[in-house]
PDB file of N, CA and C in Angstrom:
ATOM      1  N   UNK A   1      25.160 -38.397  17.964  1.00  0.00           N
ATOM      2  CA  UNK A   1      25.093 -36.992  18.253  1.00  0.00           C
ATOM      3  C   UNK A   1      24.702 -36.236  16.985  1.00  0.00           C
ATOM      4  N   UNK A   2      23.965 -35.173  17.176  1.00  0.00           N
ATOM      5  CA  UNK A   2      23.553 -34.322  16.065  1.00  0.00           C
ATOM      6  C   UNK A   2      24.549 -33.179  15.943  1.00  0.00           C
ATOM      7  N   UNK A   3      24.992 -32.917  14.712  1.00  0.00           N
ATOM      8  CA  UNK A   3      25.980 -31.872  14.471  1.00  0.00           C
ATOM      9  C   UNK A   3      25.472 -30.887  13.428  1.00  0.00           C
ATOM     10  N   UNK A   4      25.923 -29.652  13.569  1.00  0.00           N
ATOM     11  CA  UNK A   4      25.720 -28.644  12.529  1.00  0.00           C
ATOM     12  C   UNK A   4      27.051 -28.568  11.801  1.00  0.00           C
ATOM     13  N   UNK A   5      27.033 -28.875  10.508  1.00  0.00           N
ATOM     14  CA  UNK A   5      28.281 -28.945   9.756  1.00  0.00           C
ATOM     15  C   UNK A   5      28.048 -28.554   8.305  1.00  0.00           C
ATOM     16  N   UNK A   6      29.140 -28.547   7.534  1.00  0.00           N
ATOM     17  CA  UNK A   6      29.058 -28.188   6.120  1.00  0.00           C
ATOM     18  C   UNK A   6      28.973 -29.443   5.263  1.00  0.00           C
ATOM     19  N   UNK A   7      28.186 -29.367   4.214  1.00  0.00           N
ATOM     20  CA  UNK A   7      28.056 -30.436   3.244  1.00  0.00           C
ATOM     21  C   UNK A   7      28.427 -29.855   1.889  1.00  0.00           C
ATOM     22  N   UNK A   8      29.393 -30.465   1.208  1.00  0.00           N
ATOM     23  CA  UNK A   8      29.941 -29.883  -0.018  1.00  0.00           C
ATOM     24  C   UNK A   8      29.089 -30.187  -1.246  1.00  0.00           C
ATOM     25  N   UNK A   9      28.885 -29.146  -2.045  1.00  0.00           N
ATOM     26  CA  UNK A   9      28.209 -29.256  -3.329  1.00  0.00           C
ATOM     27  C   UNK A   9      28.998 -28.426  -4.324  1.00  0.00           C
ATOM     28  N   UNK A  10      28.636 -28.462  -5.564  1.00  0.00           N
ATOM     29  CA  UNK A  10      29.345 -27.715  -6.584  1.00  0.00           C
ATOM     30  C   UNK A  10      30.277 -28.620  -7.354  1.00  0.00           C
ATOM     31  N   UNK A  11      30.822 -28.082  -8.414  1.00  0.00           N
ATOM     32  CA  UNK A  11      31.694 -28.863  -9.285  1.00  0.00           C
ATOM     33  C   UNK A  11      33.143 -28.768  -8.830  1.00  0.00           C
ATOM     34  N   UNK A  12      34.032 -29.428  -9.548  1.00  0.00           N
ATOM     35  CA  UNK A  12      35.455 -29.383  -9.237  1.00  0.00           C
ATOM     36  C   UNK A  12      35.961 -27.941  -9.332  1.00  0.00           C
ATOM     37  N   UNK A  13      36.745 -27.538  -8.378  1.00  0.00           N
ATOM     38  CA  UNK A  13      37.318 -26.193  -8.308  1.00  0.00           C
ATOM     39  C   UNK A  13      36.275 -25.094  -8.158  1.00  0.00           C
ATOM     40  N   UNK A  14      35.048 -25.443  -7.796  1.00  0.00           N
ATOM     41  CA  UNK A  14      33.977 -24.474  -7.581  1.00  0.00           C
ATOM     42  C   UNK A  14      33.132 -24.936  -6.390  1.00  0.00           C
ATOM     43  N   UNK A  15      33.712 -24.919  -5.198  1.00  0.00           N
ATOM     44  CA  UNK A  15      32.979 -25.458  -4.050  1.00  0.00           C
ATOM     45  C   UNK A  15      31.853 -24.538  -3.590  1.00  0.00           C
ATOM     46  N   UNK A  16      30.770 -25.136  -3.171  1.00  0.00           N
ATOM     47  CA  UNK A  16      29.668 -24.487  -2.482  1.00  0.00           C
ATOM     48  C   UNK A  16      29.294 -25.416  -1.341  1.00  0.00           C
ATOM     49  N   UNK A  17      28.868 -24.864  -0.244  1.00  0.00           N
ATOM     50  CA  UNK A  17      28.544 -25.677   0.918  1.00  0.00           C
ATOM     51  C   UNK A  17      27.154 -25.343   1.411  1.00  0.00           C
ATOM     52  N   UNK A  18      26.475 -26.362   1.902  1.00  0.00           N
ATOM     53  CA  UNK A  18      25.225 -26.169   2.626  1.00  0.00           C
ATOM     54  C   UNK A  18      25.552 -26.329   4.103  1.00  0.00           C
ATOM     55  N   UNK A  19      24.944 -25.499   4.914  1.00  0.00           N
ATOM     56  CA  UNK A  19      25.079 -25.630   6.360  1.00  0.00           C
ATOM     57  C   UNK A  19      23.888 -26.479   6.788  1.00  0.00           C
ATOM     58  N   UNK A  20      24.171 -27.681   7.303  1.00  0.00           N
ATOM     59  CA  UNK A  20      23.117 -28.653   7.577  1.00  0.00           C
ATOM     60  C   UNK A  20      23.199 -29.177   9.004  1.00  0.00           C
ATOM     61  N   UNK A  21      22.082 -29.707   9.454  1.00  0.00           N
ATOM     62  CA  UNK A  21      22.005 -30.444  10.716  1.00  0.00           C
ATOM     63  C   UNK A  21      21.965 -31.908  10.326  1.00  0.00           C
ATOM     64  N   UNK A  22      22.933 -32.698  10.837  1.00  0.00           N
ATOM     65  CA  UNK A  22      23.020 -34.101  10.439  1.00  0.00           C
ATOM     66  C   UNK A  22      23.482 -34.950  11.606  1.00  0.00           C
ATOM     67  N   UNK A  23      23.159 -36.223  11.535  1.00  0.00           N
ATOM     68  CA  UNK A  23      23.680 -37.195  12.488  1.00  0.00           C
ATOM     69  C   UNK A  23      25.178 -37.341  12.239  1.00  0.00           C
ATOM     70  N   UNK A  24      25.969 -37.358  13.288  1.00  0.00           N
ATOM     71  CA  UNK A  24      27.429 -37.414  13.164  1.00  0.00           C
ATOM     72  C   UNK A  24      27.892 -38.691  12.463  1.00  0.00           C
ATOM     73  N   UNK A  25      27.079 -39.737  12.470  1.00  0.00           N
ATOM     74  CA  UNK A  25      27.473 -41.008  11.859  1.00  0.00           C
ATOM     75  C   UNK A  25      27.249 -41.039  10.350  1.00  0.00           C
ATOM     76  N   UNK A  26      26.580 -40.043   9.814  1.00  0.00           N
ATOM     77  CA  UNK A  26      26.314 -39.993   8.371  1.00  0.00           C
ATOM     78  C   UNK A  26      27.538 -39.466   7.628  1.00  0.00           C
ATOM     79  N   UNK A  27      27.705 -39.837   6.352  1.00  0.00           N
ATOM     80  CA  UNK A  27      28.809 -39.284   5.563  1.00  0.00           C
ATOM     81  C   UNK A  27      28.655 -37.773   5.374  1.00  0.00           C
ATOM     82  N   UNK A  28      29.758 -37.109   5.039  1.00  0.00           N
ATOM     83  CA  UNK A  28      29.757 -35.651   4.893  1.00  0.00           C
ATOM     84  C   UNK A  28      28.663 -35.172   3.944  1.00  0.00           C
ATOM     85  N   UNK A  29      28.528 -35.818   2.799  1.00  0.00           N
ATOM     86  CA  UNK A  29      27.549 -35.393   1.805  1.00  0.00           C
ATOM     87  C   UNK A  29      26.310 -36.280   1.801  1.00  0.00           C
ATOM     88  N   UNK A  30      26.124 -37.050   2.872  1.00  0.00           N
ATOM     89  CA  UNK A  30      24.980 -37.951   2.953  1.00  0.00           C
ATOM     90  C   UNK A  30      23.715 -37.214   3.358  1.00  0.00           C
ATOM     91  N   UNK A  31      22.734 -37.969   3.782  1.00  0.00           N
ATOM     92  CA  UNK A  31      21.457 -37.392   4.179  1.00  0.00           C
ATOM     93  C   UNK A  31      21.601 -36.512   5.400  1.00  0.00           C
ATOM     94  N   UNK A  32      20.722 -35.532   5.509  1.00  0.00           N
ATOM     95  CA  UNK A  32      20.748 -34.635   6.650  1.00  0.00           C
ATOM     96  C   UNK A  32      19.338 -34.404   7.150  1.00  0.00           C
ATOM     97  N   UNK A  33      19.235 -33.842   8.342  1.00  0.00           N
ATOM     98  CA  UNK A  33      17.948 -33.623   8.988  1.00  0.00           C
ATOM     99  C   UNK A  33      17.312 -32.333   8.481  1.00  0.00           C
ATOM    100  N   UNK A  34      18.113 -31.248   8.452  1.00  0.00           N
ATOM    101  CA  UNK A  34      17.578 -29.953   8.037  1.00  0.00           C
ATOM    102  C   UNK A  34      18.677 -29.106   7.409  1.00  0.00           C
ATOM    103  N   UNK A  35      18.303 -28.334   6.410  1.00  0.00           N
ATOM    104  CA  UNK A  35      19.207 -27.402   5.735  1.00  0.00           C
ATOM    105  C   UNK A  35      19.036 -26.031   6.399  1.00  0.00           C
ATOM    106  N   UNK A  36      20.137 -25.472   6.938  1.00  0.00           N
ATOM    107  CA  UNK A  36      20.060 -24.185   7.631  1.00  0.00           C
ATOM    108  C   UNK A  36      20.498 -23.004   6.779  1.00  0.00           C
ATOM    109  N   UNK A  37      21.206 -23.260   5.696  1.00  0.00           N
ATOM    110  CA  UNK A  37      21.663 -22.158   4.872  1.00  0.00           C
ATOM    111  C   UNK A  37      22.724 -22.604   3.889  1.00  0.00           C
ATOM    112  N   UNK A  38      23.475 -21.640   3.355  1.00  0.00           N
ATOM    113  CA  UNK A  38      24.511 -21.960   2.378  1.00  0.00           C
ATOM    114  C   UNK A  38      25.704 -21.037   2.552  1.00  0.00           C
ATOM    115  N   UNK A  39      26.852 -21.457   1.992  1.00  0.00           N
ATOM    116  CA  UNK A  39      28.102 -20.709   2.076  1.00  0.00           C
ATOM    117  C   UNK A  39      28.887 -20.902   0.787  1.00  0.00           C
ATOM    118  N   UNK A  40      29.331 -19.794   0.215  1.00  0.00           N
ATOM    119  CA  UNK A  40      30.168 -19.807  -0.988  1.00  0.00           C
ATOM    120  C   UNK A  40      31.525 -19.238  -0.601  1.00  0.00           C
ATOM    121  N   UNK A  41      32.550 -20.074  -0.411  1.00  0.00           N
ATOM    122  CA  UNK A  41      33.853 -19.566   0.034  1.00  0.00           C
ATOM    123  C   UNK A  41      34.549 -18.668  -0.979  1.00  0.00           C
ATOM    124  N   UNK A  42      34.160 -18.727  -2.242  1.00  0.00           N
ATOM    125  CA  UNK A  42      34.769 -17.876  -3.267  1.00  0.00           C
ATOM    126  C   UNK A  42      34.139 -16.488  -3.305  1.00  0.00           C
ATOM    127  N   UNK A  43      33.023 -16.313  -2.609  1.00  0.00           N
ATOM    128  CA  UNK A  43      32.331 -15.024  -2.485  1.00  0.00           C
ATOM    129  C   UNK A  43      31.995 -14.425  -3.848  1.00  0.00           C
ATOM    130  N   UNK A  44      31.389 -15.243  -4.701  1.00  0.00           N
ATOM    131  CA  UNK A  44      31.058 -14.800  -6.055  1.00  0.00           C
ATOM    132  C   UNK A  44      29.755 -14.011  -6.116  1.00  0.00           C
ATOM    133  N   UNK A  45      28.964 -14.009  -5.049  1.00  0.00           N
ATOM    134  CA  UNK A  45      27.716 -13.256  -5.015  1.00  0.00           C
ATOM    135  C   UNK A  45      27.665 -12.420  -3.738  1.00  0.00           C
ATOM    136  N   UNK A  46      26.816 -11.399  -3.710  1.00  0.00           N
ATOM    137  CA  UNK A  46      26.707 -10.590  -2.481  1.00  0.00           C
ATOM    138  C   UNK A  46      26.176 -11.391  -1.289  1.00  0.00           C
ATOM    139  N   UNK A  47      25.391 -12.412  -1.561  1.00  0.00           N
ATOM    140  CA  UNK A  47      24.853 -13.238  -0.472  1.00  0.00           C
ATOM    141  C   UNK A  47      25.622 -14.556  -0.408  1.00  0.00           C
ATOM    142  N   UNK A  48      26.923 -14.477  -0.230  1.00  0.00           N
ATOM    143  CA  UNK A  48      27.748 -15.689  -0.192  1.00  0.00           C
ATOM    144  C   UNK A  48      27.532 -16.501   1.077  1.00  0.00           C
ATOM    145  N   UNK A  49      26.953 -15.893   2.112  1.00  0.00           N
ATOM    146  CA  UNK A  49      26.669 -16.601   3.363  1.00  0.00           C
ATOM    147  C   UNK A  49      25.266 -16.256   3.808  1.00  0.00           C
ATOM    148  N   UNK A  50      24.443 -17.286   3.954  1.00  0.00           N
ATOM    149  CA  UNK A  50      23.070 -17.084   4.405  1.00  0.00           C
ATOM    150  C   UNK A  50      22.730 -18.201   5.379  1.00  0.00           C
ATOM    151  N   UNK A  51      22.213 -17.819   6.552  1.00  0.00           N
ATOM    152  CA  UNK A  51      21.890 -18.790   7.593  1.00  0.00           C
ATOM    153  C   UNK A  51      20.526 -18.448   8.185  1.00  0.00           C
ATOM    154  N   UNK A  52      19.721 -19.463   8.436  1.00  0.00           N
ATOM    155  CA  UNK A  52      18.463 -19.294   9.152  1.00  0.00           C
ATOM    156  C   UNK A  52      18.813 -19.283  10.638  1.00  0.00           C
ATOM    157  N   UNK A  53      18.993 -18.084  11.195  1.00  0.00           N
ATOM    158  CA  UNK A  53      19.480 -17.912  12.566  1.00  0.00           C
ATOM    159  C   UNK A  53      18.521 -18.532  13.576  1.00  0.00           C
ATOM    160  N   UNK A  54      17.241 -18.350  13.377  1.00  0.00           N
ATOM    161  CA  UNK A  54      16.242 -18.872  14.315  1.00  0.00           C
ATOM    162  C   UNK A  54      16.328 -20.399  14.432  1.00  0.00           C
ATOM    163  N   UNK A  55      16.413 -21.082  13.305  1.00  0.00           N
ATOM    164  CA  UNK A  55      16.492 -22.548  13.331  1.00  0.00           C
ATOM    165  C   UNK A  55      17.834 -23.031  13.883  1.00  0.00           C
ATOM    166  N   UNK A  56      18.908 -22.295  13.596  1.00  0.00           N
ATOM    167  CA  UNK A  56      20.220 -22.664  14.132  1.00  0.00           C
ATOM    168  C   UNK A  56      20.210 -22.574  15.650  1.00  0.00           C
ATOM    169  N   UNK A  57      19.635 -21.518  16.199  1.00  0.00           N
ATOM    170  CA  UNK A  57      19.561 -21.387  17.650  1.00  0.00           C
ATOM    171  C   UNK A  57      18.675 -22.472  18.252  1.00  0.00           C
ATOM    172  N   UNK A  58      17.629 -22.850  17.546  1.00  0.00           N
ATOM    173  CA  UNK A  58      16.758 -23.940  18.010  1.00  0.00           C
ATOM    174  C   UNK A  58      17.556 -25.238  18.145  1.00  0.00           C
ATOM    175  N   UNK A  59      18.330 -25.586  17.126  1.00  0.00           N
ATOM    176  CA  UNK A  59      19.105 -26.825  17.165  1.00  0.00           C
ATOM    177  C   UNK A  59      20.189 -26.776  18.228  1.00  0.00           C
ATOM    178  N   UNK A  60      20.841 -25.632  18.390  1.00  0.00           N
ATOM    179  CA  UNK A  60      21.873 -25.512  19.423  1.00  0.00           C
ATOM    180  C   UNK A  60      21.265 -25.641  20.822  1.00  0.00           C
ATOM    181  N   UNK A  61      20.070 -25.077  21.014  1.00  0.00           N
ATOM    182  CA  UNK A  61      19.389 -25.185  22.301  1.00  0.00           C
ATOM    183  C   UNK A  61      18.983 -26.618  22.603  1.00  0.00           C
ATOM    184  N   UNK A  62      18.768 -27.411  21.564  1.00  0.00           N
ATOM    185  CA  UNK A  62      18.360 -28.807  21.754  1.00  0.00           C
ATOM    186  C   UNK A  62      19.537 -29.771  21.725  1.00  0.00           C
ATOM    187  N   UNK A  63      20.768 -29.265  21.836  1.00  0.00           N
ATOM    188  CA  UNK A  63      21.919 -30.136  22.014  1.00  0.00           C
ATOM    189  C   UNK A  63      22.774 -30.398  20.802  1.00  0.00           C
ATOM    190  N   UNK A  64      22.507 -29.777  19.674  1.00  0.00           N
ATOM    191  CA  UNK A  64      23.353 -29.984  18.496  1.00  0.00           C
ATOM    192  C   UNK A  64      24.705 -29.312  18.722  1.00  0.00           C
ATOM    193  N   UNK A  65      25.769 -29.939  18.224  1.00  0.00           N
ATOM    194  CA  UNK A  65      27.121 -29.392  18.338  1.00  0.00           C
ATOM    195  C   UNK A  65      27.569 -28.915  16.969  1.00  0.00           C
ATOM    196  N   UNK A  66      28.089 -27.694  16.899  1.00  0.00           N
ATOM    197  CA  UNK A  66      28.571 -27.151  15.632  1.00  0.00           C
ATOM    198  C   UNK A  66      30.051 -27.485  15.464  1.00  0.00           C
ATOM    199  N   UNK A  67      30.455 -27.804  14.245  1.00  0.00           N
ATOM    200  CA  UNK A  67      31.875 -28.012  13.968  1.00  0.00           C
ATOM    201  C   UNK A  67      32.571 -26.655  14.015  1.00  0.00           C
ATOM    202  N   UNK A  68      33.886 -26.640  14.013  1.00  0.00           N
ATOM    203  CA  UNK A  68      34.634 -25.394  14.133  1.00  0.00           C
ATOM    204  C   UNK A  68      34.296 -24.412  13.014  1.00  0.00           C
ATOM    205  N   UNK A  69      34.282 -24.891  11.782  1.00  0.00           N
ATOM    206  CA  UNK A  69      33.986 -24.011  10.649  1.00  0.00           C
ATOM    207  C   UNK A  69      32.541 -23.537  10.689  1.00  0.00           C
ATOM    208  N   UNK A  70      31.617 -24.429  11.004  1.00  0.00           N
ATOM    209  CA  UNK A  70      30.212 -24.048  11.092  1.00  0.00           C
ATOM    210  C   UNK A  70      30.016 -23.034  12.219  1.00  0.00           C
ATOM    211  N   UNK A  71      30.704 -23.220  13.324  1.00  0.00           N
ATOM    212  CA  UNK A  71      30.609 -22.279  14.448  1.00  0.00           C
ATOM    213  C   UNK A  71      31.076 -20.876  14.013  1.00  0.00           C
ATOM    214  N   UNK A  72      32.186 -20.811  13.280  1.00  0.00           N
ATOM    215  CA  UNK A  72      32.709 -19.526  12.802  1.00  0.00           C
ATOM    216  C   UNK A  72      31.693 -18.833  11.882  1.00  0.00           C
ATOM    217  N   UNK A  73      31.075 -19.591  10.979  1.00  0.00           N
ATOM    218  CA  UNK A  73      30.102 -19.022  10.058  1.00  0.00           C
ATOM    219  C   UNK A  73      28.823 -18.583  10.783  1.00  0.00           C
ATOM    220  N   UNK A  74      28.392 -19.381  11.736  1.00  0.00           N
ATOM    221  CA  UNK A  74      27.189 -19.033  12.490  1.00  0.00           C
ATOM    222  C   UNK A  74      27.412 -17.773  13.323  1.00  0.00           C
ATOM    223  N   UNK A  75      28.584 -17.659  13.934  1.00  0.00           N
ATOM    224  CA  UNK A  75      28.895 -16.447  14.708  1.00  0.00           C
ATOM    225  C   UNK A  75      28.893 -15.220  13.810  1.00  0.00           C
ATOM    226  N   UNK A  76      29.382 -15.363  12.581  1.00  0.00           N
ATOM    227  CA  UNK A  76      29.396 -14.240  11.649  1.00  0.00           C
ATOM    228  C   UNK A  76      27.983 -13.756  11.316  1.00  0.00           C
ATOM    229  N   UNK A  77      27.006 -14.639  11.446  1.00  0.00           N
ATOM    230  CA  UNK A  77      25.618 -14.279  11.171  1.00  0.00           C
ATOM    231  C   UNK A  77      24.845 -13.881  12.428  1.00  0.00           C
ATOM    232  N   UNK A  78      25.518 -13.911  13.596  1.00  0.00           N
ATOM    233  CA  UNK A  78      24.885 -13.437  14.831  1.00  0.00           C
ATOM    234  C   UNK A  78      24.256 -14.510  15.674  1.00  0.00           C
ATOM    235  N   UNK A  79      24.568 -15.768  15.461  1.00  0.00           N
ATOM    236  CA  UNK A  79      24.024 -16.845  16.294  1.00  0.00           C
ATOM    237  C   UNK A  79      24.782 -16.848  17.615  1.00  0.00           C
ATOM    238  N   UNK A  80      24.045 -16.900  18.726  1.00  0.00           N
ATOM    239  CA  UNK A  80      24.644 -16.908  20.072  1.00  0.00           C
ATOM    240  C   UNK A  80      24.929 -18.338  20.500  1.00  0.00           C
ATOM    241  N   UNK A  81      26.095 -18.537  21.108  1.00  0.00           N
ATOM    242  CA  UNK A  81      26.471 -19.857  21.618  1.00  0.00           C
ATOM    243  C   UNK A  81      26.475 -19.868  23.116  1.00  0.00           C
TER     244      UNK A  81
END
């Protein structure tokens, strides 16, 4: 199954996440199909959350399942489920 989920980047105590489309069998930080955006939970910049809404809706229409956290972030950016 294809999932929309978060992939962790950044150093220790400074997490940053990419919102990615990946095969569910791949590791969390492993290879992914497409990068949809990024999320900074510490909100250190004005653009701490950025998502390509058009591509996210495309993947959801084609059967991708979003994880709970990814779903919350996508809804915040206006993606319809």
